[in-house]
Protein backbone atom coordinates (compact mmCIF):
# COMPACT_ATOMS: atom_id res chain seq x y z
CA MET A 1 -11.27 -85.63 1.09
CA PRO A 2 -11.88 -84.72 -2.56
CA GLU A 3 -9.13 -82.86 -4.38
CA ILE A 4 -9.75 -80.17 -6.95
CA VAL A 5 -7.85 -80.73 -10.18
CA PHE A 6 -7.24 -77.89 -12.60
CA LYS A 7 -4.78 -77.10 -15.34
CA GLY A 8 -1.81 -75.24 -13.94
CA LYS A 9 -2.23 -76.42 -10.35
CA GLU A 10 1.20 -78.04 -10.31
CA TYR A 11 2.74 -74.65 -11.12
CA VAL A 12 0.82 -72.55 -8.60
CA TYR A 13 0.61 -75.13 -5.79
CA ASN A 14 3.72 -73.68 -4.09
CA HIS A 15 3.83 -70.33 -5.91
CA HIS A 16 3.27 -68.46 -2.63
CA LEU A 17 6.72 -69.64 -1.51
CA THR A 18 8.41 -67.83 -4.41
CA VAL A 19 6.66 -64.49 -3.86
CA PRO A 20 9.27 -62.13 -2.39
CA TYR A 21 8.73 -60.38 0.92
CA ARG A 22 8.37 -56.66 0.42
CA PRO A 23 8.66 -54.29 3.34
CA LEU A 24 5.61 -52.35 4.40
CA LEU A 25 6.51 -48.68 4.58
CA GLU A 26 4.85 -46.20 6.89
CA HIS A 27 3.53 -42.99 5.36
CA ALA A 28 2.57 -40.73 8.26
CA ASP A 29 1.25 -38.08 5.88
CA LYS A 30 -1.36 -40.51 4.54
CA GLY A 31 -2.80 -41.57 7.87
CA ILE A 32 -4.44 -40.26 10.98
CA GLY A 33 -2.42 -40.40 14.17
CA PRO A 34 1.01 -41.90 14.57
CA ALA A 35 2.32 -44.16 11.82
CA ASP A 36 2.11 -47.72 13.11
CA LEU A 37 2.29 -50.97 11.16
CA ALA A 38 0.59 -52.85 14.01
CA GLY A 39 -2.77 -51.08 13.65
CA ASN A 40 -5.17 -50.70 10.76
CA LEU A 41 -3.44 -50.60 7.40
CA VAL A 42 -4.16 -49.48 3.88
CA ILE A 43 -1.80 -51.24 1.51
CA HIS A 44 -1.44 -50.04 -2.06
CA GLY A 45 -0.09 -52.74 -4.34
CA ASP A 46 -0.62 -56.21 -5.73
CA ASN A 47 -2.65 -58.23 -3.24
CA LEU A 48 -0.38 -61.28 -3.55
CA HIS A 49 2.67 -59.23 -2.52
CA ALA A 50 0.67 -57.45 0.17
CA LEU A 51 -0.44 -60.74 1.71
CA LYS A 52 3.13 -62.03 1.77
CA SER A 53 4.29 -58.76 3.38
CA LEU A 54 1.74 -59.17 6.17
CA LEU A 55 3.01 -62.62 7.20
CA PRO A 56 5.98 -61.63 9.40
CA ARG A 57 3.80 -59.53 11.70
CA HIS A 58 0.35 -61.06 11.34
CA ALA A 59 0.71 -64.81 10.58
CA GLY A 60 -1.77 -66.76 12.67
CA LYS A 61 -3.29 -63.61 14.20
CA VAL A 62 -6.10 -62.60 11.84
CA ASP A 63 -9.61 -63.49 13.01
CA LEU A 64 -11.57 -62.43 9.93
CA VAL A 65 -10.79 -62.20 6.23
CA PHE A 66 -13.36 -60.78 3.83
CA ILE A 67 -12.50 -60.79 0.13
CA ASP A 68 -14.39 -59.85 -3.00
CA PRO A 69 -12.46 -61.52 -5.84
CA PRO A 70 -13.46 -61.32 -9.50
CA TYR A 71 -16.59 -63.39 -10.06
CA ASN A 72 -15.12 -64.57 -13.36
CA THR A 73 -18.27 -63.98 -15.35
CA GLY A 74 -16.25 -62.77 -18.34
CA ASN A 75 -18.02 -59.40 -18.06
CA GLU A 76 -15.48 -56.71 -18.83
CA GLY A 77 -18.01 -53.87 -19.02
CA TRP A 78 -18.05 -53.09 -15.29
CA CYS A 79 -16.02 -50.32 -13.67
CA TYR A 80 -13.36 -52.98 -13.14
CA SER A 81 -12.78 -56.06 -15.22
CA ASP A 82 -14.63 -59.06 -13.81
CA SER A 83 -12.48 -61.40 -15.83
CA VAL A 84 -9.18 -63.18 -15.54
CA ASN A 85 -8.40 -61.64 -18.93
CA SER A 86 -7.66 -58.28 -17.31
CA PRO A 87 -4.21 -56.77 -18.01
CA ILE A 88 -3.00 -57.52 -14.47
CA MET A 89 -3.99 -61.18 -14.76
CA LYS A 90 -2.49 -61.48 -18.24
CA GLU A 91 0.79 -60.11 -16.87
CA TRP A 92 0.72 -62.54 -13.92
CA LEU A 93 -0.09 -65.51 -16.12
CA SER A 94 2.63 -64.59 -18.62
CA SER A 95 5.25 -64.48 -15.86
CA ASN A 96 4.41 -68.01 -14.71
CA PRO A 97 5.01 -71.34 -16.45
CA VAL A 98 1.28 -71.84 -16.95
CA ASP A 99 0.20 -71.92 -20.60
CA ALA A 100 -2.12 -68.93 -20.34
CA ASP A 101 -3.36 -69.22 -23.92
CA ASP A 102 -4.41 -72.84 -23.56
CA MET A 103 -6.50 -72.66 -20.41
CA LEU A 104 -10.16 -72.38 -19.62
CA ARG A 105 -11.13 -69.23 -17.77
CA HIS A 106 -11.98 -71.34 -14.71
CA ASP A 107 -8.45 -72.77 -14.66
CA LYS A 108 -7.01 -69.26 -14.94
CA TRP A 109 -9.21 -68.11 -12.07
CA LEU A 110 -8.09 -71.02 -9.91
CA CYS A 111 -4.43 -70.33 -10.74
CA MET A 112 -4.94 -66.73 -9.64
CA MET A 113 -6.83 -67.62 -6.44
CA TRP A 114 -4.79 -70.58 -5.16
CA PRO A 115 -1.66 -68.73 -3.93
CA ARG A 116 -3.75 -65.92 -2.45
CA LEU A 117 -5.94 -68.32 -0.51
CA VAL A 118 -2.89 -70.19 0.77
CA LEU A 119 -1.42 -66.94 2.11
CA LEU A 120 -4.76 -65.92 3.60
CA ARG A 121 -4.90 -69.27 5.41
CA GLU A 122 -1.43 -68.61 6.86
CA LEU A 123 -2.67 -65.27 8.22
CA LEU A 124 -5.73 -66.79 9.92
CA SER A 125 -5.78 -67.48 13.64
CA GLU A 126 -7.05 -70.83 14.93
CA ARG A 127 -10.53 -69.34 15.37
CA GLY A 128 -10.37 -67.25 12.19
CA SER A 129 -12.66 -67.49 9.18
CA ILE A 130 -12.61 -66.45 5.53
CA TRP A 131 -15.68 -64.88 3.95
CA ILE A 132 -15.82 -64.60 0.16
CA THR A 133 -18.39 -62.92 -2.06
CA LEU A 134 -18.91 -64.97 -5.22
CA ASP A 135 -21.72 -66.02 -7.49
CA ASP A 136 -22.44 -69.40 -9.03
CA ASN A 137 -19.62 -69.07 -11.61
CA GLU A 138 -16.85 -69.99 -9.17
CA VAL A 139 -18.33 -70.54 -5.69
CA HIS A 140 -18.17 -74.34 -5.89
CA ARG A 141 -14.56 -74.25 -7.10
CA ALA A 142 -13.62 -71.79 -4.37
CA ARG A 143 -15.19 -74.09 -1.77
CA MET A 144 -13.14 -77.04 -3.02
CA VAL A 145 -9.93 -74.99 -2.95
CA LEU A 146 -10.67 -73.78 0.58
CA ASP A 147 -11.42 -77.32 1.74
CA GLU A 148 -8.15 -78.55 0.26
CA ILE A 149 -6.05 -75.73 1.67
């Protein structure tokens, strides 16, 4: 099977293992019905930490994942930044041993996506599937990452 090679992969390959577990807290006042972490959830926070927090209860049980990651067009004029140069991504890249200033935007995008896709795979059931909305900027790279994971 082909392997995708990108700058920074060696640093993010096992990054998901270093992400700390954070407890999911129930907020009965923000929901309808009894507070229950086993039902539908709205999680406010970084998606990488949220995915890790879902593992203890939901690993291997999710049948469908639908994500809409940044398309990485470099367009920062939308209502949210469609670029890996957003403040959140700059903060994440600066806290990792990846040389954020010396990378192509596609490498940065792959470094951001890799640990998230690994955690999503751990959440999937045997019959589960991942659906991703992307355009032609990153779809082929995403496919290679998914095939490798």
